Amino acid sequence: QVQLAESGGGLVQAGGSLRLSCTANSRIFTGNPAGWYRHAPGKERDLVARINSDGNIEYVDSVQGRFTISTDNAKKTLYLQMTTLNPEDTAVYYCSVAGWRNGVPYDYWGQGTQVTVSS
């Protein structure tokens, strides 16, 4: 079974940077859609950035130009480089990848990593 482990969250001042990592126990990121989501207090879990199966990348407008999503298939890792952070970026960040489980499509999720941006 695919397992995802996130790391890299923490406390940072506004204007700072963090890099989140999501490491899998298999090469699940190769050719499969994957993305980063975040869940802020009082809000729903929202998409932040996504790599589609064709390699196209999408960002939510609020992070365009500040965040960069990427993969290292050899390292079985999905990254989210975050720069120019602001307090509105504070949330629990989750990685997710589309795969299969028991022959049916299934979305795998990490456990989440907290990002807190102080003003």
Protein backbone atom coordinates (compact mmCIF):
# COMPACT_ATOMS: atom_id res chain seq x y z
CA GLN A 1 0.00 0.00 0.00
CA VAL A 2 1.21 3.46 -0.88
CA GLN A 3 2.30 5.58 2.04
CA LEU A 4 3.11 9.28 1.89
CA ALA A 5 5.20 11.11 4.46
CA GLU A 6 5.29 14.90 4.52
CA SER A 7 7.95 17.06 6.08
CA GLY A 8 9.26 20.60 6.00
CA GLY A 9 6.52 22.52 7.75
CA GLY A 10 7.18 24.91 10.57
CA LEU A 11 6.97 28.48 11.83
CA VAL A 12 8.29 31.24 9.59
CA GLN A 13 8.01 35.01 9.50
CA ALA A 14 6.10 36.76 6.76
CA GLY A 15 8.25 37.06 3.67
CA GLY A 16 10.11 33.87 4.46
CA SER A 17 10.35 30.57 2.62
CA LEU A 18 9.77 26.90 3.29
CA ARG A 19 10.08 23.75 1.21
CA LEU A 20 7.63 20.95 1.84
CA SER A 21 8.49 17.38 0.89
CA CYS A 22 6.22 14.40 0.38
CA THR A 23 8.06 11.10 0.11
CA ALA A 24 6.36 7.92 -1.05
CA ASN A 25 7.30 4.30 -0.48
CA SER A 26 6.93 3.65 -4.22
CA ARG A 27 7.35 5.49 -7.54
CA ILE A 28 3.71 6.55 -7.38
CA PHE A 29 4.46 10.07 -8.57
CA THR A 30 5.70 8.83 -11.96
CA GLY A 31 2.94 9.64 -14.45
CA ASN A 32 0.19 10.04 -11.85
CA PRO A 33 -1.55 13.29 -10.98
CA ALA A 34 -0.31 14.68 -7.68
CA GLY A 35 -0.82 17.84 -5.73
CA TRP A 36 -0.62 19.86 -2.58
CA TYR A 37 -3.68 20.96 -0.64
CA ARG A 38 -4.10 23.06 2.47
CA HIS A 39 -6.65 23.29 5.24
CA ALA A 40 -6.81 26.53 7.13
CA PRO A 41 -8.86 26.96 10.34
CA GLY A 42 -12.50 27.61 9.55
CA LYS A 43 -12.07 26.83 5.88
CA GLU A 44 -12.35 23.81 3.64
CA ARG A 45 -9.37 21.89 2.31
CA ASP A 46 -8.37 23.62 -0.93
CA LEU A 47 -6.06 22.80 -3.81
CA VAL A 48 -2.79 24.76 -3.81
CA ALA A 49 -0.88 23.27 -6.74
CA ARG A 50 -1.16 20.21 -8.94
CA ILE A 51 0.87 18.32 -11.51
CA ASN A 52 -1.38 16.57 -13.99
CA SER A 53 -0.60 13.26 -15.67
CA ASP A 54 0.46 15.10 -18.83
CA GLY A 55 2.95 17.17 -16.84
CA ASN A 56 0.92 20.36 -16.89
CA ILE A 57 1.05 22.32 -13.67
CA GLU A 58 -1.73 24.34 -12.10
CA TYR A 59 -1.62 26.80 -9.21
CA VAL A 60 -4.37 28.51 -7.29
CA ASP A 61 -4.28 32.23 -8.03
CA SER A 62 -3.23 33.20 -4.50
CA VAL A 63 0.08 31.30 -4.76
CA GLN A 64 0.88 31.85 -8.44
CA GLY A 65 4.42 33.20 -8.74
CA ARG A 66 5.27 32.38 -5.12
CA PHE A 67 4.97 28.58 -4.91
CA THR A 68 6.56 25.95 -7.12
CA ILE A 69 5.51 22.31 -7.27
CA SER A 70 7.92 19.69 -8.56
CA THR A 71 8.76 16.02 -8.39
CA ASP A 72 11.92 13.97 -8.15
CA ASN A 73 10.88 10.56 -9.35
CA ALA A 74 14.21 8.98 -8.46
CA LYS A 75 13.71 10.15 -4.88
CA LYS A 76 10.01 9.31 -4.98
CA THR A 77 9.32 12.78 -3.65
CA LEU A 78 6.90 15.61 -4.38
CA TYR A 79 8.00 19.10 -3.38
CA LEU A 80 6.34 22.43 -2.75
CA GLN A 81 8.74 25.36 -2.64
CA MET A 82 7.01 28.27 -0.96
CA THR A 83 8.41 31.80 -1.03
CA THR A 84 7.20 35.23 0.07
CA LEU A 85 4.94 33.58 2.61
CA ASN A 86 2.21 35.60 4.28
CA PRO A 87 -0.07 34.87 7.26
CA GLU A 88 -2.88 33.84 4.89
CA ASP A 89 -0.72 30.85 3.91
CA THR A 90 -1.02 29.44 7.44
CA ALA A 91 -2.62 26.01 7.21
CA VAL A 92 -2.03 22.30 7.42
CA TYR A 93 -0.60 21.23 4.08
CA TYR A 94 -1.34 17.81 2.62
CA CYS A 95 0.08 16.00 -0.38
CA SER A 96 -2.06 13.71 -2.47
CA VAL A 97 -1.50 11.42 -5.44
CA ALA A 98 -3.91 9.49 -7.62
CA GLY A 99 -3.33 5.79 -7.80
CA TRP A 100 -5.04 2.44 -7.52
CA ARG A 101 -6.00 0.25 -4.62
CA ASN A 102 -7.52 -3.16 -5.01
CA GLY A 103 -8.09 -2.46 -8.70
CA VAL A 104 -10.06 0.75 -8.28
CA PRO A 105 -8.91 4.38 -8.53
CA TYR A 106 -7.87 5.74 -5.18
CA ASP A 107 -6.41 9.01 -3.92
CA TYR A 108 -3.62 8.63 -1.40
CA TRP A 109 -3.04 11.34 1.20
CA GLY A 110 -0.25 12.25 3.56
CA GLN A 111 -0.77 13.00 7.22
CA GLY A 112 -0.31 16.74 6.83
CA THR A 113 2.32 19.20 7.95
CA GLN A 114 1.62 22.48 9.73
CA VAL A 115 2.80 25.73 8.20
CA THR A 116 2.47 28.83 10.37
CA VAL A 117 3.40 32.27 9.05
CA SER A 118 3.72 35.04 11.61
CA SER A 119 3.20 38.68 10.76
